[in-house]
Amino acid sequence: MRPLKIGMIGCGAIGSSLARMIHRDFSKAATIAYLADHHCERAHSLIKTLKLKASHTGIPELIEKSDLIIEAASGEVAAKVTPAVLQTAKQILVLSVGGLIQPGVWQKINRIKTGRLWVPSGAIAGIDGLCAAKEAGIQSVKLITRKPVAGLLGAPFFEKKKFPKLTGKKAVCVFKGTALSAIRAFPQNVNVAAVLSLASMGPKSTYVEVWTSKAYRKNTHEIEIEARSGTIRIEVQNIPSHLNPKTSALAVYAAAATLRNIFSNLKIGT
């Protein structure tokens, strides 16, 4: 069987890291054939660095010629590209999961009966248990995210609200609300909220809190799930990506693990 032709949309920190993993670990199963990024220099730099036999192209051509599309650009791109890919009966792996829960997008995706959408678990654990608990019936899902200051700076939420004054090691809650509101406020910071909501009760019924402190050095996610089958509590402490402090290094590895499931005939876990 010939290797799958991968089309990578987004060649920034996350896309580049994943491209390196694909080139290094999955060369027999797939090849990066097409790259799309509105920053042309990023795509050309990646091609040169990895010595790829790939073309920098527009998104429509990339979708047409690729077997598997990987979105690593933004929520806005994910919202537009995902339905377009599924309508061609192809596969897409989406990293900017927040784009999928924007009003009308998920409903549109669910109406399309072709193609396949892959959503990695990202920077959290326990999605397998959550999916199992959903079969029994979920009553509530709560996410508390704790991020260092550098991981929250520049978020749209702070365009209208001042960043809180932090003193010493005191932790401050900067946001409380639904997963839908959290993604709008922090589109590059809490994709895990989107993953949780899609796997459970939906973006309007998944509760999210975002905290920060000068003392925080890791991205921490605390998840509490109440279901008829019992209670699940999970805490994950992630090292921020050295390329992008807004995301966790684990998020890239989660995407790589999803690719391993796609390419392998063995899948362990729910």
C-alpha atoms as a PDB file:
ATOM      1  CA  MET A   1       0.000   0.000   0.000  1.00  0.00           C
ATOM      2  CA  ARG A   2       1.409   3.382  -0.958  1.00  0.00           C
ATOM      3  CA  PRO A   3       2.048   5.948   1.793  1.00  0.00           C
ATOM      4  CA  LEU A   4      -0.783   8.395   2.431  1.00  0.00           C
ATOM      5  CA  LYS A   5      -0.261  11.866   1.020  1.00  0.00           C
ATOM      6  CA  ILE A   6      -0.557  14.348   3.866  1.00  0.00           C
ATOM      7  CA  GLY A   7      -1.584  17.942   3.387  1.00  0.00           C
ATOM      8  CA  MET A   8      -0.516  20.157   6.301  1.00  0.00           C
ATOM      9  CA  ILE A   9      -2.424  23.418   6.847  1.00  0.00           C
ATOM     10  CA  GLY A  10      -0.413  25.659   9.160  1.00  0.00           C
ATOM     11  CA  CYS A  11       3.371  25.560   9.448  1.00  0.00           C
ATOM     12  CA  GLY A  12       3.791  27.432  12.720  1.00  0.00           C
ATOM     13  CA  ALA A  13       5.211  26.028  15.946  1.00  0.00           C
ATOM     14  CA  ILE A  14       2.674  23.196  16.330  1.00  0.00           C
ATOM     15  CA  GLY A  15       2.440  22.265  12.656  1.00  0.00           C
ATOM     16  CA  SER A  16       6.214  22.242  12.248  1.00  0.00           C
ATOM     17  CA  SER A  17       6.697  20.059  15.330  1.00  0.00           C
ATOM     18  CA  LEU A  18       4.138  17.551  14.102  1.00  0.00           C
ATOM     19  CA  ALA A  19       5.647  17.578  10.607  1.00  0.00           C
ATOM     20  CA  ARG A  20       9.026  16.643  12.097  1.00  0.00           C
ATOM     21  CA  MET A  21       7.455  13.732  13.970  1.00  0.00           C
ATOM     22  CA  ILE A  22       5.688  12.500  10.833  1.00  0.00           C
ATOM     23  CA  HIS A  23       8.875  12.741   8.791  1.00  0.00           C
ATOM     24  CA  ARG A  24      10.868  10.936  11.486  1.00  0.00           C
ATOM     25  CA  ASP A  25       8.442   8.287  12.783  1.00  0.00           C
ATOM     26  CA  PHE A  26       5.841   7.621  10.077  1.00  0.00           C
ATOM     27  CA  SER A  27       7.775   7.848   6.796  1.00  0.00           C
ATOM     28  CA  LYS A  28       6.672   4.365   5.702  1.00  0.00           C
ATOM     29  CA  ALA A  29       2.991   5.092   6.303  1.00  0.00           C
ATOM     30  CA  ALA A  30       2.734   8.687   5.115  1.00  0.00           C
ATOM     31  CA  THR A  31       4.552  11.465   3.353  1.00  0.00           C
ATOM     32  CA  ILE A  32       4.047  15.206   3.694  1.00  0.00           C
ATOM     33  CA  ALA A  33       3.151  16.149   0.147  1.00  0.00           C
ATOM     34  CA  TYR A  34       1.499  19.583   0.435  1.00  0.00           C
ATOM     35  CA  LEU A  35       1.818  22.548   2.766  1.00  0.00           C
ATOM     36  CA  ALA A  36      -0.427  25.581   3.089  1.00  0.00           C
ATOM     37  CA  ASP A  37       0.345  28.666   5.165  1.00  0.00           C
ATOM     38  CA  HIS A  38      -0.364  32.336   4.516  1.00  0.00           C
ATOM     39  CA  HIS A  39       3.160  32.972   5.774  1.00  0.00           C
ATOM     40  CA  CYS A  40       4.885  31.519   2.716  1.00  0.00           C
ATOM     41  CA  GLU A  41       8.304  31.645   4.342  1.00  0.00           C
ATOM     42  CA  ARG A  42       7.185  29.170   7.022  1.00  0.00           C
ATOM     43  CA  ALA A  43       6.218  26.549   4.469  1.00  0.00           C
ATOM     44  CA  HIS A  44       9.387  27.007   2.424  1.00  0.00           C
ATOM     45  CA  SER A  45      11.531  26.884   5.565  1.00  0.00           C
ATOM     46  CA  LEU A  46       9.912  23.607   6.650  1.00  0.00           C
ATOM     47  CA  ILE A  47      10.413  22.091   3.206  1.00  0.00           C
ATOM     48  CA  LYS A  48      14.074  23.097   3.261  1.00  0.00           C
ATOM     49  CA  THR A  49      14.752  22.026   6.859  1.00  0.00           C
ATOM     50  CA  LEU A  50      13.217  18.564   6.500  1.00  0.00           C
ATOM     51  CA  LYS A  51      14.237  18.181   2.840  1.00  0.00           C
ATOM     52  CA  LEU A  52      10.645  17.399   1.927  1.00  0.00           C
ATOM     53  CA  LYS A  53       9.467  16.594  -1.569  1.00  0.00           C
ATOM     54  CA  ALA A  54       6.455  18.765  -0.918  1.00  0.00           C
ATOM     55  CA  SER A  55       4.706  21.684  -2.584  1.00  0.00           C
ATOM     56  CA  HIS A  56       3.513  24.917  -1.022  1.00  0.00           C
ATOM     57  CA  THR A  57      -0.008  25.413  -2.324  1.00  0.00           C
ATOM     58  CA  GLY A  58      -3.406  26.891  -1.589  1.00  0.00           C
ATOM     59  CA  ILE A  59      -5.912  25.145   0.637  1.00  0.00           C
ATOM     60  CA  PRO A  60      -8.371  24.085  -2.127  1.00  0.00           C
ATOM     61  CA  GLU A  61      -5.596  22.372  -4.116  1.00  0.00           C
ATOM     62  CA  LEU A  62      -4.182  20.819  -0.945  1.00  0.00           C
ATOM     63  CA  ILE A  63      -7.569  19.283  -0.096  1.00  0.00           C
ATOM     64  CA  GLU A  64      -8.029  18.001  -3.631  1.00  0.00           C
ATOM     65  CA  LYS A  65      -4.645  16.275  -3.845  1.00  0.00           C
ATOM     66  CA  SER A  66      -4.152  14.992  -0.281  1.00  0.00           C
ATOM     67  CA  ASP A  67      -5.400  11.745   1.297  1.00  0.00           C
ATOM     68  CA  LEU A  68      -5.218  13.032   4.869  1.00  0.00           C
ATOM     69  CA  ILE A  69      -5.407  16.705   5.826  1.00  0.00           C
ATOM     70  CA  ILE A  70      -3.944  18.013   9.080  1.00  0.00           C
ATOM     71  CA  GLU A  71      -5.188  21.382  10.341  1.00  0.00           C
ATOM     72  CA  ALA A  72      -2.709  23.189  12.596  1.00  0.00           C
ATOM     73  CA  ALA A  73      -3.543  26.799  11.800  1.00  0.00           C
ATOM     74  CA  SER A  74      -6.371  28.355  13.842  1.00  0.00           C
ATOM     75  CA  GLY A  75      -9.942  27.822  14.984  1.00  0.00           C
ATOM     76  CA  GLU A  76     -11.183  30.008  12.158  1.00  0.00           C
ATOM     77  CA  VAL A  77      -9.418  27.847   9.590  1.00  0.00           C
ATOM     78  CA  ALA A  78     -10.622  24.640  11.255  1.00  0.00           C
ATOM     79  CA  ALA A  79     -14.238  25.841  11.114  1.00  0.00           C
ATOM     80  CA  LYS A  80     -14.026  26.483   7.365  1.00  0.00           C
ATOM     81  CA  VAL A  81     -11.799  23.624   6.250  1.00  0.00           C
ATOM     82  CA  THR A  82     -13.283  20.697   8.190  1.00  0.00           C
ATOM     83  CA  PRO A  83     -16.685  20.613   6.422  1.00  0.00           C
ATOM     84  CA  ALA A  84     -14.969  21.138   3.057  1.00  0.00           C
ATOM     85  CA  VAL A  85     -12.695  18.134   3.637  1.00  0.00           C
ATOM     86  CA  LEU A  86     -15.473  15.845   4.865  1.00  0.00           C
ATOM     87  CA  GLN A  87     -17.591  16.684   1.833  1.00  0.00           C
ATOM     88  CA  THR A  88     -14.797  15.242  -0.337  1.00  0.00           C
ATOM     89  CA  ALA A  89     -14.993  11.970   1.661  1.00  0.00           C
ATOM     90  CA  LYS A  90     -11.444  12.417   2.953  1.00  0.00           C
ATOM     91  CA  GLN A  91      -9.881  12.363   6.409  1.00  0.00           C
ATOM     92  CA  ILE A  92      -8.945  15.381   8.499  1.00  0.00           C
ATOM     93  CA  LEU A  93      -7.068  15.645  11.789  1.00  0.00           C
ATOM     94  CA  VAL A  94      -7.975  18.880  13.580  1.00  0.00           C
ATOM     95  CA  LEU A  95      -5.723  20.443  16.206  1.00  0.00           C
ATOM     96  CA  SER A  96      -7.578  23.776  16.607  1.00  0.00           C
ATOM     97  CA  VAL A  97     -10.575  21.981  18.086  1.00  0.00           C
ATOM     98  CA  GLY A  98     -12.132  25.195  19.376  1.00  0.00           C
ATOM     99  CA  GLY A  99     -13.112  26.078  15.826  1.00  0.00           C
ATOM    100  CA  LEU A 100     -15.419  23.066  15.689  1.00  0.00           C
ATOM    101  CA  ILE A 101     -17.695  24.271  18.486  1.00  0.00           C
ATOM    102  CA  GLN A 102     -18.433  27.679  17.035  1.00  0.00           C
ATOM    103  CA  PRO A 103     -22.187  28.209  16.472  1.00  0.00           C
ATOM    104  CA  GLY A 104     -23.431  26.234  13.481  1.00  0.00           C
ATOM    105  CA  VAL A 105     -20.128  24.528  12.676  1.00  0.00           C
ATOM    106  CA  TRP A 106     -20.607  21.293  14.622  1.00  0.00           C
ATOM    107  CA  GLN A 107     -24.182  21.005  13.375  1.00  0.00           C
ATOM    108  CA  LYS A 108     -22.941  21.376   9.800  1.00  0.00           C
ATOM    109  CA  ILE A 109     -20.262  18.748  10.336  1.00  0.00           C
ATOM    110  CA  ASN A 110     -22.795  16.297  11.768  1.00  0.00           C
ATOM    111  CA  ARG A 111     -24.968  16.661   8.673  1.00  0.00           C
ATOM    112  CA  ILE A 112     -22.109  15.449   6.467  1.00  0.00           C
ATOM    113  CA  LYS A 113     -22.098  11.660   6.271  1.00  0.00           C
ATOM    114  CA  THR A 114     -18.833  11.220   4.371  1.00  0.00           C
ATOM    115  CA  GLY A 115     -15.175  11.449   5.293  1.00  0.00           C
ATOM    116  CA  ARG A 116     -13.644  11.007   8.732  1.00  0.00           C
ATOM    117  CA  LEU A 117     -12.805  13.565  11.417  1.00  0.00           C
ATOM    118  CA  TRP A 118     -10.061  12.864  13.937  1.00  0.00           C
ATOM    119  CA  VAL A 119      -9.963  14.931  17.158  1.00  0.00           C
ATOM    120  CA  PRO A 120      -6.899  14.285  19.376  1.00  0.00           C
ATOM    121  CA  SER A 121      -7.296  14.389  23.158  1.00  0.00           C
ATOM    122  CA  GLY A 122      -4.793  17.249  23.245  1.00  0.00           C
ATOM    123  CA  ALA A 123      -3.208  18.254  26.552  1.00  0.00           C
ATOM    124  CA  ILE A 124      -5.546  16.236  28.794  1.00  0.00           C
ATOM    125  CA  ALA A 125      -6.130  12.620  29.788  1.00  0.00           C
ATOM    126  CA  GLY A 126      -9.272  10.672  30.475  1.00  0.00           C
ATOM    127  CA  ILE A 127     -11.204  11.083  27.221  1.00  0.00           C
ATOM    128  CA  ASP A 128     -11.495   7.286  27.042  1.00  0.00           C
ATOM    129  CA  GLY A 129     -13.109   7.166  30.495  1.00  0.00           C
ATOM    130  CA  LEU A 130     -15.331  10.116  29.633  1.00  0.00           C
ATOM    131  CA  CYS A 131     -16.592   8.371  26.501  1.00  0.00           C
ATOM    132  CA  ALA A 132     -17.280   5.219  28.509  1.00  0.00           C
ATOM    133  CA  ALA A 133     -19.111   7.210  31.198  1.00  0.00           C
ATOM    134  CA  LYS A 134     -21.199   8.881  28.504  1.00  0.00           C
ATOM    135  CA  GLU A 135     -22.671   5.491  27.651  1.00  0.00           C
ATOM    136  CA  ALA A 136     -23.953   5.294  31.229  1.00  0.00           C
ATOM    137  CA  GLY A 137     -25.086   8.914  31.317  1.00  0.00           C
ATOM    138  CA  ILE A 138     -23.119  12.050  32.236  1.00  0.00           C
ATOM    139  CA  GLN A 139     -24.484  14.542  34.770  1.00  0.00           C
ATOM    140  CA  SER A 140     -21.743  17.194  34.791  1.00  0.00           C
ATOM    141  CA  VAL A 141     -18.267  17.957  33.411  1.00  0.00           C
ATOM    142  CA  LYS A 142     -16.010  20.584  34.987  1.00  0.00           C
ATOM    143  CA  LEU A 143     -12.585  21.777  33.827  1.00  0.00           C
ATOM    144  CA  ILE A 144     -10.237  23.959  35.876  1.00  0.00           C
ATOM    145  CA  THR A 145      -7.264  25.164  33.832  1.00  0.00           C
ATOM    146  CA  ARG A 146      -4.245  26.782  35.510  1.00  0.00           C
ATOM    147  CA  LYS A 147      -1.766  28.561  33.239  1.00  0.00           C
ATOM    148  CA  PRO A 148       1.387  30.625  33.713  1.00  0.00           C
ATOM    149  CA  VAL A 149       1.054  34.312  32.887  1.00  0.00           C
ATOM    150  CA  ALA A 150       2.907  33.913  29.561  1.00  0.00           C
ATOM    151  CA  GLY A 151       0.332  31.349  28.456  1.00  0.00           C
ATOM    152  CA  LEU A 152      -2.561  33.815  28.720  1.00  0.00           C
ATOM    153  CA  LEU A 153      -1.076  37.109  27.558  1.00  0.00           C
ATOM    154  CA  GLY A 154      -2.582  38.381  24.322  1.00  0.00           C
ATOM    155  CA  ALA A 155      -5.837  36.423  24.643  1.00  0.00           C
ATOM    156  CA  PRO A 156      -8.934  38.187  23.212  1.00  0.00           C
ATOM    157  CA  PHE A 157     -10.486  38.073  26.698  1.00  0.00           C
ATOM    158  CA  PHE A 158      -8.058  40.765  27.859  1.00  0.00           C
ATOM    159  CA  GLU A 159      -8.835  43.160  25.020  1.00  0.00           C
ATOM    160  CA  LYS A 160     -11.834  44.379  27.043  1.00  0.00           C
ATOM    161  CA  LYS A 161     -10.717  43.390  30.523  1.00  0.00           C
ATOM    162  CA  LYS A 162      -7.499  44.263  32.296  1.00  0.00           C
ATOM    163  CA  PHE A 163      -5.101  41.458  33.106  1.00  0.00           C
ATOM    164  CA  PRO A 164      -5.430  40.845  36.857  1.00  0.00           C
ATOM    165  CA  LYS A 165      -2.898  42.287  39.242  1.00  0.00           C
ATOM    166  CA  LEU A 166      -0.890  39.395  40.632  1.00  0.00           C
ATOM    167  CA  THR A 167       0.974  39.508  43.919  1.00  0.00           C
ATOM    168  CA  GLY A 168       3.324  36.900  45.291  1.00  0.00           C
ATOM    169  CA  LYS A 169       2.185  33.339  44.707  1.00  0.00           C
ATOM    170  CA  LYS A 170      -1.528  34.127  44.932  1.00  0.00           C
ATOM    171  CA  ALA A 171      -3.690  32.448  42.270  1.00  0.00           C
ATOM    172  CA  VAL A 172      -6.440  34.452  40.569  1.00  0.00           C
ATOM    173  CA  CYS A 173      -9.460  33.126  38.689  1.00  0.00           C
ATOM    174  CA  VAL A 174      -9.757  35.139  35.468  1.00  0.00           C
ATOM    175  CA  PHE A 175     -12.685  33.292  33.869  1.00  0.00           C
ATOM    176  CA  LYS A 176     -15.757  31.256  34.773  1.00  0.00           C
ATOM    177  CA  GLY A 177     -18.278  30.066  32.217  1.00  0.00           C
ATOM    178  CA  THR A 178     -19.139  27.555  29.520  1.00  0.00           C
ATOM    179  CA  ALA A 179     -16.680  25.846  27.174  1.00  0.00           C
ATOM    180  CA  LEU A 180     -18.171  27.859  24.314  1.00  0.00           C
ATOM    181  CA  SER A 181     -17.455  31.151  26.084  1.00  0.00           C
ATOM    182  CA  ALA A 182     -13.996  29.942  27.153  1.00  0.00           C
ATOM    183  CA  ILE A 183     -12.970  29.151  23.592  1.00  0.00           C
ATOM    184  CA  ARG A 184     -14.117  32.571  22.412  1.00  0.00           C
ATOM    185  CA  ALA A 185     -12.168  34.238  25.218  1.00  0.00           C
ATOM    186  CA  PHE A 186      -9.025  32.092  24.966  1.00  0.00           C
ATOM    187  CA  PRO A 187      -8.940  30.508  21.477  1.00  0.00           C
ATOM    188  CA  GLN A 188      -5.272  29.511  21.733  1.00  0.00           C
ATOM    189  CA  ASN A 189      -5.291  28.448  25.356  1.00  0.00           C
ATOM    190  CA  VAL A 190      -8.166  26.095  26.192  1.00  0.00           C
ATOM    191  CA  ASN A 191      -8.710  23.775  23.234  1.00  0.00           C
ATOM    192  CA  VAL A 192      -9.024  21.063  25.883  1.00  0.00           C
ATOM    193  CA  ALA A 193     -12.385  22.603  26.828  1.00  0.00           C
ATOM    194  CA  ALA A 194     -13.592  22.021  23.276  1.00  0.00           C
ATOM    195  CA  VAL A 195     -12.396  18.412  23.316  1.00  0.00           C
ATOM    196  CA  LEU A 196     -14.150  17.761  26.620  1.00  0.00           C
ATOM    197  CA  SER A 197     -17.382  19.346  25.436  1.00  0.00           C
ATOM    198  CA  LEU A 198     -17.461  17.397  22.159  1.00  0.00           C
ATOM    199  CA  ALA A 199     -16.871  14.136  24.020  1.00  0.00           C
ATOM    200  CA  SER A 200     -19.522  14.826  26.663  1.00  0.00           C
ATOM    201  CA  MET A 201     -22.338  17.331  27.184  1.00  0.00           C
ATOM    202  CA  GLY A 202     -21.682  19.926  24.503  1.00  0.00           C
ATOM    203  CA  PRO A 203     -20.051  23.381  24.619  1.00  0.00           C
ATOM    204  CA  LYS A 204     -22.923  25.068  26.436  1.00  0.00           C
ATOM    205  CA  SER A 205     -23.091  22.558  29.281  1.00  0.00           C
ATOM    206  CA  THR A 206     -19.390  21.999  30.014  1.00  0.00           C
ATOM    207  CA  TYR A 207     -18.192  24.279  32.847  1.00  0.00           C
ATOM    208  CA  VAL A 208     -14.748  25.920  32.688  1.00  0.00           C
ATOM    209  CA  GLU A 209     -12.585  27.977  35.031  1.00  0.00           C
ATOM    210  CA  VAL A 210      -9.260  29.584  34.064  1.00  0.00           C
ATOM    211  CA  TRP A 211      -6.724  30.534  36.761  1.00  0.00           C
ATOM    212  CA  THR A 212      -3.268  32.119  36.672  1.00  0.00           C
ATOM    213  CA  SER A 213      -0.468  32.964  39.077  1.00  0.00           C
ATOM    214  CA  LYS A 214       3.128  34.155  39.022  1.00  0.00           C
ATOM    215  CA  ALA A 215       3.989  30.882  40.728  1.00  0.00           C
ATOM    216  CA  TYR A 216       2.612  28.652  37.966  1.00  0.00           C
ATOM    217  CA  ARG A 217       5.246  26.989  35.796  1.00  0.00           C
ATOM    218  CA  LYS A 218       3.121  24.299  34.173  1.00  0.00           C
ATOM    219  CA  ASN A 219      -0.199  24.125  32.348  1.00  0.00           C
ATOM    220  CA  THR A 220      -2.452  22.218  34.727  1.00  0.00           C
ATOM    221  CA  HIS A 221      -5.851  20.795  33.854  1.00  0.00           C
ATOM    222  CA  GLU A 222      -8.162  19.430  36.548  1.00  0.00           C
ATOM    223  CA  ILE A 223     -11.209  17.544  35.292  1.00  0.00           C
ATOM    224  CA  GLU A 224     -14.169  16.295  37.289  1.00  0.00           C
ATOM    225  CA  ILE A 225     -16.822  14.128  35.669  1.00  0.00           C
ATOM    226  CA  GLU A 226     -20.018  13.071  37.428  1.00  0.00           C
ATOM    227  CA  ALA A 227     -21.856  10.222  35.746  1.00  0.00           C
ATOM    228  CA  ARG A 228     -24.319   7.468  36.626  1.00  0.00           C
ATOM    229  CA  SER A 229     -21.370   5.058  36.513  1.00  0.00           C
ATOM    230  CA  GLY A 230     -19.453   7.042  39.150  1.00  0.00           C
ATOM    231  CA  THR A 231     -17.064   9.966  39.532  1.00  0.00           C
ATOM    232  CA  ILE A 232     -13.887  10.524  37.526  1.00  0.00           C
ATOM    233  CA  ARG A 233     -11.247  12.997  38.685  1.00  0.00           C
ATOM    234  CA  ILE A 234      -8.153  13.722  36.597  1.00  0.00           C
ATOM    235  CA  GLU A 235      -5.243  16.130  36.981  1.00  0.00           C
ATOM    236  CA  VAL A 236      -2.660  16.667  34.262  1.00  0.00           C
ATOM    237  CA  GLN A 237       0.393  18.892  34.717  1.00  0.00           C
ATOM    238  CA  ASN A 238       1.978  19.733  31.378  1.00  0.00           C
ATOM    239  CA  ILE A 239       5.205  21.461  30.456  1.00  0.00           C
ATOM    240  CA  PRO A 240       4.403  24.384  28.111  1.00  0.00           C
ATOM    241  CA  SER A 241       5.769  23.994  24.593  1.00  0.00           C
ATOM    242  CA  HIS A 242       9.131  25.724  24.280  1.00  0.00           C
ATOM    243  CA  LEU A 243       7.974  26.943  20.868  1.00  0.00           C
ATOM    244  CA  ASN A 244       4.615  28.291  22.022  1.00  0.00           C
ATOM    245  CA  PRO A 245       3.884  28.861  25.749  1.00  0.00           C
ATOM    246  CA  LYS A 246       0.140  29.111  25.019  1.00  0.00           C
ATOM    247  CA  THR A 247      -0.025  25.376  24.413  1.00  0.00           C
ATOM    248  CA  SER A 248       1.323  22.253  26.103  1.00  0.00           C
ATOM    249  CA  ALA A 249       3.983  20.012  24.622  1.00  0.00           C
ATOM    250  CA  LEU A 250       1.637  17.064  25.220  1.00  0.00           C
ATOM    251  CA  ALA A 251      -0.845  18.442  22.670  1.00  0.00           C
ATOM    252  CA  VAL A 252       1.580  17.755  19.813  1.00  0.00           C
ATOM    253  CA  TYR A 253       2.295  14.252  21.097  1.00  0.00           C
ATOM    254  CA  ALA A 254      -1.457  13.610  21.320  1.00  0.00           C
ATOM    255  CA  ALA A 255      -1.756  14.427  17.622  1.00  0.00           C
ATOM    256  CA  ALA A 256       1.159  12.085  16.881  1.00  0.00           C
ATOM    257  CA  ALA A 257      -0.537   9.336  18.908  1.00  0.00           C
ATOM    258  CA  THR A 258      -3.724   9.852  16.904  1.00  0.00           C
ATOM    259  CA  LEU A 259      -1.736   9.476  13.689  1.00  0.00           C
ATOM    260  CA  ARG A 260      -0.302   6.231  15.035  1.00  0.00           C
ATOM    261  CA  ASN A 261      -3.882   4.979  15.494  1.00  0.00           C
ATOM    262  CA  ILE A 262      -4.721   6.009  11.938  1.00  0.00           C
ATOM    263  CA  PHE A 263      -1.736   4.191  10.471  1.00  0.00           C
ATOM    264  CA  SER A 264      -1.845   1.102  12.689  1.00  0.00           C
ATOM    265  CA  ASN A 265      -4.168  -1.893  12.723  1.00  0.00           C
ATOM    266  CA  LEU A 266      -3.861  -2.049  16.511  1.00  0.00           C
ATOM    267  CA  LYS A 267      -5.724   0.376  18.796  1.00  0.00           C
ATOM    268  CA  ILE A 268      -5.542   0.127  22.572  1.00  0.00           C
ATOM    269  CA  GLY A 269      -8.116   1.939  24.678  1.00  0.00           C
ATOM    270  CA  THR A 270     -11.707   3.032  24.168  1.00  0.00           C
END
